[in-house]
PDB file of N, CA and C in Angstrom:
ATOM      1  N   UNK A   1      25.915   2.414   9.197  1.00  0.00           N
ATOM      2  CA  UNK A   1      25.600   2.330   7.783  1.00  0.00           C
ATOM      3  C   UNK A   1      24.927   3.616   7.324  1.00  0.00           C
ATOM      4  N   UNK A   2      25.244   4.014   6.109  1.00  0.00           N
ATOM      5  CA  UNK A   2      24.651   5.208   5.528  1.00  0.00           C
ATOM      6  C   UNK A   2      23.158   4.975   5.330  1.00  0.00           C
ATOM      7  N   UNK A   3      22.326   5.951   5.662  1.00  0.00           N
ATOM      8  CA  UNK A   3      20.878   5.792   5.578  1.00  0.00           C
ATOM      9  C   UNK A   3      20.348   6.094   4.188  1.00  0.00           C
ATOM     10  N   UNK A   4      20.688   5.265   3.226  1.00  0.00           N
ATOM     11  CA  UNK A   4      20.176   5.388   1.862  1.00  0.00           C
ATOM     12  C   UNK A   4      18.776   4.791   1.809  1.00  0.00           C
ATOM     13  N   UNK A   5      17.978   5.263   0.861  1.00  0.00           N
ATOM     14  CA  UNK A   5      16.646   4.718   0.638  1.00  0.00           C
ATOM     15  C   UNK A   5      16.774   3.507  -0.277  1.00  0.00           C
ATOM     16  N   UNK A   6      16.063   2.441   0.066  1.00  0.00           N
ATOM     17  CA  UNK A   6      16.028   1.244  -0.771  1.00  0.00           C
ATOM     18  C   UNK A   6      14.746   1.295  -1.588  1.00  0.00           C
ATOM     19  N   UNK A   7      14.893   1.141  -2.896  1.00  0.00           N
ATOM     20  CA  UNK A   7      13.761   1.172  -3.808  1.00  0.00           C
ATOM     21  C   UNK A   7      13.552  -0.243  -4.330  1.00  0.00           C
ATOM     22  N   UNK A   8      12.498  -0.896  -3.873  1.00  0.00           N
ATOM     23  CA  UNK A   8      12.197  -2.278  -4.224  1.00  0.00           C
ATOM     24  C   UNK A   8      11.074  -2.293  -5.245  1.00  0.00           C
ATOM     25  N   UNK A   9      11.323  -2.935  -6.386  1.00  0.00           N
ATOM     26  CA  UNK A   9      10.290  -3.112  -7.403  1.00  0.00           C
ATOM     27  C   UNK A   9       9.974  -4.599  -7.441  1.00  0.00           C
ATOM     28  N   UNK A  10       8.764  -4.937  -7.021  1.00  0.00           N
ATOM     29  CA  UNK A  10       8.389  -6.356  -6.935  1.00  0.00           C
ATOM     30  C   UNK A  10       6.889  -6.505  -7.138  1.00  0.00           C
ATOM     31  N   UNK A  11       6.499  -7.329  -8.104  1.00  0.00           N
ATOM     32  CA  UNK A  11       5.077  -7.486  -8.393  1.00  0.00           C
ATOM     33  C   UNK A  11       4.439  -8.680  -7.681  1.00  0.00           C
ATOM     34  N   UNK A  12       5.230  -9.473  -6.997  1.00  0.00           N
ATOM     35  CA  UNK A  12       4.708 -10.622  -6.274  1.00  0.00           C
ATOM     36  C   UNK A  12       4.683 -10.307  -4.778  1.00  0.00           C
ATOM     37  N   UNK A  13       3.504 -10.264  -4.168  1.00  0.00           N
ATOM     38  CA  UNK A  13       3.423  -9.903  -2.748  1.00  0.00           C
ATOM     39  C   UNK A  13       4.234 -10.821  -1.826  1.00  0.00           C
ATOM     40  N   UNK A  14       4.293 -12.107  -2.170  1.00  0.00           N
ATOM     41  CA  UNK A  14       5.081 -13.025  -1.349  1.00  0.00           C
ATOM     42  C   UNK A  14       6.570 -12.700  -1.427  1.00  0.00           C
ATOM     43  N   UNK A  15       7.054 -12.387  -2.631  1.00  0.00           N
ATOM     44  CA  UNK A  15       8.466 -12.028  -2.783  1.00  0.00           C
ATOM     45  C   UNK A  15       8.776 -10.691  -2.116  1.00  0.00           C
ATOM     46  N   UNK A  16       7.813  -9.761  -2.179  1.00  0.00           N
ATOM     47  CA  UNK A  16       7.982  -8.479  -1.482  1.00  0.00           C
ATOM     48  C   UNK A  16       8.143  -8.709   0.017  1.00  0.00           C
ATOM     49  N   UNK A  17       7.260  -9.542   0.579  1.00  0.00           N
ATOM     50  CA  UNK A  17       7.330  -9.840   2.015  1.00  0.00           C
ATOM     51  C   UNK A  17       8.649 -10.521   2.356  1.00  0.00           C
ATOM     52  N   UNK A  18       9.092 -11.430   1.514  1.00  0.00           N
ATOM     53  CA  UNK A  18      10.360 -12.118   1.737  1.00  0.00           C
ATOM     54  C   UNK A  18      11.527 -11.128   1.734  1.00  0.00           C
ATOM     55  N   UNK A  19      11.530 -10.222   0.772  1.00  0.00           N
ATOM     56  CA  UNK A  19      12.607  -9.228   0.701  1.00  0.00           C
ATOM     57  C   UNK A  19      12.611  -8.342   1.944  1.00  0.00           C
ATOM     58  N   UNK A  20      11.435  -7.888   2.358  1.00  0.00           N
ATOM     59  CA  UNK A  20      11.352  -7.018   3.533  1.00  0.00           C
ATOM     60  C   UNK A  20      11.758  -7.756   4.807  1.00  0.00           C
ATOM     61  N   UNK A  21      11.339  -9.031   4.918  1.00  0.00           N
ATOM     62  CA  UNK A  21      11.747  -9.850   6.069  1.00  0.00           C
ATOM     63  C   UNK A  21      13.259 -10.055   6.094  1.00  0.00           C
ATOM     64  N   UNK A  22      13.841 -10.286   4.925  1.00  0.00           N
ATOM     65  CA  UNK A  22      15.287 -10.497   4.832  1.00  0.00           C
ATOM     66  C   UNK A  22      16.045  -9.243   5.251  1.00  0.00           C
ATOM     67  N   UNK A  23      15.566  -8.084   4.822  1.00  0.00           N
ATOM     68  CA  UNK A  23      16.213  -6.830   5.234  1.00  0.00           C
ATOM     69  C   UNK A  23      16.148  -6.682   6.753  1.00  0.00           C
ATOM     70  N   UNK A  24      14.964  -6.937   7.313  1.00  0.00           N
ATOM     71  CA  UNK A  24      14.797  -6.799   8.765  1.00  0.00           C
ATOM     72  C   UNK A  24      15.668  -7.802   9.520  1.00  0.00           C
ATOM     73  N   UNK A  25      15.695  -9.039   9.054  1.00  0.00           N
ATOM     74  CA  UNK A  25      16.481 -10.080   9.713  1.00  0.00           C
ATOM     75  C   UNK A  25      17.970  -9.743   9.721  1.00  0.00           C
ATOM     76  N   UNK A  26      18.423  -9.021   8.700  1.00  0.00           N
ATOM     77  CA  UNK A  26      19.823  -8.638   8.596  1.00  0.00           C
ATOM     78  C   UNK A  26      20.089  -7.245   9.162  1.00  0.00           C
ATOM     79  N   UNK A  27      19.132  -6.756   9.960  1.00  0.00           N
ATOM     80  CA  UNK A  27      19.261  -5.461  10.648  1.00  0.00           C
ATOM     81  C   UNK A  27      19.521  -4.298   9.695  1.00  0.00           C
ATOM     82  N   UNK A  28      18.888  -4.349   8.548  1.00  0.00           N
ATOM     83  CA  UNK A  28      18.962  -3.239   7.599  1.00  0.00           C
ATOM     84  C   UNK A  28      17.709  -2.409   7.820  1.00  0.00           C
ATOM     85  N   UNK A  29      17.891  -1.249   8.412  1.00  0.00           N
ATOM     86  CA  UNK A  29      16.746  -0.439   8.827  1.00  0.00           C
ATOM     87  C   UNK A  29      16.498   0.764   7.913  1.00  0.00           C
ATOM     88  N   UNK A  30      17.075   0.722   6.724  1.00  0.00           N
ATOM     89  CA  UNK A  30      16.857   1.818   5.776  1.00  0.00           C
ATOM     90  C   UNK A  30      15.379   1.914   5.414  1.00  0.00           C
ATOM     91  N   UNK A  31      14.948   3.108   5.042  1.00  0.00           N
ATOM     92  CA  UNK A  31      13.589   3.283   4.539  1.00  0.00           C
ATOM     93  C   UNK A  31      13.472   2.497   3.235  1.00  0.00           C
ATOM     94  N   UNK A  32      12.362   1.781   3.065  1.00  0.00           N
ATOM     95  CA  UNK A  32      12.116   1.008   1.847  1.00  0.00           C
ATOM     96  C   UNK A  32      10.875   1.554   1.168  1.00  0.00           C
ATOM     97  N   UNK A  33      11.008   1.887  -0.094  1.00  0.00           N
ATOM     98  CA  UNK A  33       9.875   2.307  -0.916  1.00  0.00           C
ATOM     99  C   UNK A  33       9.610   1.177  -1.895  1.00  0.00           C
ATOM    100  N   UNK A  34       8.366   0.740  -1.979  1.00  0.00           N
ATOM    101  CA  UNK A  34       8.015  -0.402  -2.820  1.00  0.00           C
ATOM    102  C   UNK A  34       7.148   0.070  -3.978  1.00  0.00           C
ATOM    103  N   UNK A  35       7.562  -0.296  -5.187  1.00  0.00           N
ATOM    104  CA  UNK A  35       6.730  -0.145  -6.377  1.00  0.00           C
ATOM    105  C   UNK A  35       6.314  -1.551  -6.788  1.00  0.00           C
ATOM    106  N   UNK A  36       5.067  -1.727  -7.130  1.00  0.00           N
ATOM    107  CA  UNK A  36       4.561  -3.077  -7.362  1.00  0.00           C
ATOM    108  C   UNK A  36       4.517  -3.480  -8.828  1.00  0.00           C
ATOM    109  N   UNK A  37       4.968  -2.610  -9.711  1.00  0.00           N
ATOM    110  CA  UNK A  37       5.150  -2.996 -11.114  1.00  0.00           C
ATOM    111  C   UNK A  37       6.048  -1.953 -11.790  1.00  0.00           C
ATOM    112  N   UNK A  38       6.423  -2.246 -13.010  1.00  0.00           N
ATOM    113  CA  UNK A  38       7.347  -1.365 -13.722  1.00  0.00           C
ATOM    114  C   UNK A  38       6.781   0.025 -13.965  1.00  0.00           C
ATOM    115  N   UNK A  39       5.500   0.097 -14.280  1.00  0.00           N
ATOM    116  CA  UNK A  39       4.890   1.405 -14.524  1.00  0.00           C
ATOM    117  C   UNK A  39       4.914   2.264 -13.266  1.00  0.00           C
ATOM    118  N   UNK A  40       4.600   1.663 -12.123  1.00  0.00           N
ATOM    119  CA  UNK A  40       4.636   2.402 -10.859  1.00  0.00           C
ATOM    120  C   UNK A  40       6.069   2.838 -10.536  1.00  0.00           C
ATOM    121  N   UNK A  41       7.033   1.975 -10.846  1.00  0.00           N
ATOM    122  CA  UNK A  41       8.439   2.311 -10.606  1.00  0.00           C
ATOM    123  C   UNK A  41       8.848   3.514 -11.450  1.00  0.00           C
ATOM    124  N   UNK A  42       8.468   3.504 -12.718  1.00  0.00           N
ATOM    125  CA  UNK A  42       8.813   4.637 -13.580  1.00  0.00           C
ATOM    126  C   UNK A  42       8.122   5.912 -13.132  1.00  0.00           C
ATOM    127  N   UNK A  43       6.873   5.794 -12.673  1.00  0.00           N
ATOM    128  CA  UNK A  43       6.161   6.972 -12.154  1.00  0.00           C
ATOM    129  C   UNK A  43       6.883   7.556 -10.940  1.00  0.00           C
ATOM    130  N   UNK A  44       7.465   6.694 -10.133  1.00  0.00           N
ATOM    131  CA  UNK A  44       8.202   7.169  -8.962  1.00  0.00           C
ATOM    132  C   UNK A  44       9.515   7.839  -9.356  1.00  0.00           C
ATOM    133  N   UNK A  45      10.148   7.303 -10.388  1.00  0.00           N
ATOM    134  CA  UNK A  45      11.481   7.789 -10.759  1.00  0.00           C
ATOM    135  C   UNK A  45      11.452   9.038 -11.624  1.00  0.00           C
ATOM    136  N   UNK A  46      10.463   9.162 -12.475  1.00  0.00           N
ATOM    137  CA  UNK A  46      10.462  10.266 -13.430  1.00  0.00           C
ATOM    138  C   UNK A  46       9.161  11.036 -13.347  1.00  0.00           C
ATOM    139  N   UNK A  47       9.248  12.329 -13.121  1.00  0.00           N
ATOM    140  CA  UNK A  47       8.063  13.180 -13.100  1.00  0.00           C
ATOM    141  C   UNK A  47       8.269  14.329 -14.087  1.00  0.00           C
ATOM    142  N   UNK A  48       7.210  14.734 -14.763  1.00  0.00           N
ATOM    143  CA  UNK A  48       7.368  15.813 -15.742  1.00  0.00           C
ATOM    144  C   UNK A  48       7.685  17.154 -15.082  1.00  0.00           C
ATOM    145  N   UNK A  49       8.518  17.915 -15.741  1.00  0.00           N
ATOM    146  CA  UNK A  49       8.815  19.289 -15.328  1.00  0.00           C
ATOM    147  C   UNK A  49       8.213  20.193 -16.396  1.00  0.00           C
ATOM    148  N   UNK A  50       7.339  21.089 -15.979  1.00  0.00           N
ATOM    149  CA  UNK A  50       6.621  21.932 -16.929  1.00  0.00           C
ATOM    150  C   UNK A  50       7.239  23.318 -17.044  1.00  0.00           C
ATOM    151  N   UNK A  51       7.024  23.932 -18.193  1.00  0.00           N
ATOM    152  CA  UNK A  51       7.374  25.328 -18.390  1.00  0.00           C
ATOM    153  C   UNK A  51       6.371  26.165 -17.602  1.00  0.00           C
ATOM    154  N   UNK A  52       6.624  27.453 -17.416  1.00  0.00           N
ATOM    155  CA  UNK A  52       5.631  28.290 -16.723  1.00  0.00           C
ATOM    156  C   UNK A  52       4.258  28.265 -17.402  1.00  0.00           C
ATOM    157  N   UNK A  53       4.231  27.981 -18.710  1.00  0.00           N
ATOM    158  CA  UNK A  53       2.953  27.916 -19.428  1.00  0.00           C
ATOM    159  C   UNK A  53       2.253  26.573 -19.238  1.00  0.00           C
ATOM    160  N   UNK A  54       2.921  25.600 -18.584  1.00  0.00           N
ATOM    161  CA  UNK A  54       2.312  24.307 -18.329  1.00  0.00           C
ATOM    162  C   UNK A  54       2.660  23.225 -19.329  1.00  0.00           C
ATOM    163  N   UNK A  55       3.551  23.522 -20.270  1.00  0.00           N
ATOM    164  CA  UNK A  55       3.948  22.535 -21.264  1.00  0.00           C
ATOM    165  C   UNK A  55       5.061  21.658 -20.700  1.00  0.00           C
ATOM    166  N   UNK A  56       4.883  20.324 -20.735  1.00  0.00           N
ATOM    167  CA  UNK A  56       5.966  19.471 -20.237  1.00  0.00           C
ATOM    168  C   UNK A  56       7.176  19.544 -21.165  1.00  0.00           C
ATOM    169  N   UNK A  57       8.350  19.767 -20.596  1.00  0.00           N
ATOM    170  CA  UNK A  57       9.547  19.890 -21.428  1.00  0.00           C
ATOM    171  C   UNK A  57      10.594  18.815 -21.137  1.00  0.00           C
ATOM    172  N   UNK A  58      10.581  18.276 -19.952  1.00  0.00           N
ATOM    173  CA  UNK A  58      11.573  17.265 -19.622  1.00  0.00           C
ATOM    174  C   UNK A  58      11.100  16.520 -18.379  1.00  0.00           C
ATOM    175  N   UNK A  59      11.900  15.594 -17.954  1.00  0.00           N
ATOM    176  CA  UNK A  59      11.579  14.838 -16.757  1.00  0.00           C
ATOM    177  C   UNK A  59      12.716  14.960 -15.758  1.00  0.00           C
ATOM    178  N   UNK A  60      12.385  14.906 -14.483  1.00  0.00           N
ATOM    179  CA  UNK A  60      13.407  14.890 -13.445  1.00  0.00           C
ATOM    180  C   UNK A  60      13.221  13.636 -12.637  1.00  0.00           C
ATOM    181  N   UNK A  61      14.272  13.225 -11.975  1.00  0.00           N
ATOM    182  CA  UNK A  61      14.202  11.973 -11.234  1.00  0.00           C
ATOM    183  C   UNK A  61      13.523  12.121  -9.889  1.00  0.00           C
ATOM    184  N   UNK A  62      12.915  11.043  -9.467  1.00  0.00           N
ATOM    185  CA  UNK A  62      12.415  10.679  -8.145  1.00  0.00           C
ATOM    186  C   UNK A  62      11.316  11.574  -7.601  1.00  0.00           C
ATOM    187  N   UNK A  63      10.152  11.039  -7.572  1.00  0.00           N
ATOM    188  CA  UNK A  63       9.032  11.764  -6.963  1.00  0.00           C
ATOM    189  C   UNK A  63       8.479  11.044  -5.756  1.00  0.00           C
ATOM    190  N   UNK A  64       8.664   9.744  -5.631  1.00  0.00           N
ATOM    191  CA  UNK A  64       8.066   8.997  -4.523  1.00  0.00           C
ATOM    192  C   UNK A  64       8.619   9.400  -3.169  1.00  0.00           C
ATOM    193  N   UNK A  65       9.817   9.889  -3.118  1.00  0.00           N
ATOM    194  CA  UNK A  65      10.420  10.162  -1.828  1.00  0.00           C
ATOM    195  C   UNK A  65      10.890  11.590  -1.697  1.00  0.00           C
ATOM    196  N   UNK A  66      10.289  12.504  -2.456  1.00  0.00           N
ATOM    197  CA  UNK A  66      10.627  13.922  -2.293  1.00  0.00           C
ATOM    198  C   UNK A  66       9.510  14.639  -1.596  1.00  0.00           C
TER     199      UNK A  66
END
């Protein structure tokens, strides 16, 4: 299987544990990154890109796993 990163967004710790257990039980050994709410998920996905002067001009994807 291709080693893609799994990005799990789950605010319930019990559901997070269930999802992780299910992945393990099904021999899915991909790296899992967990965001525990929507704001944390967006922070992981979009980070500001600044001009040389420090002014934010746009956003680029994925900061949690770079």
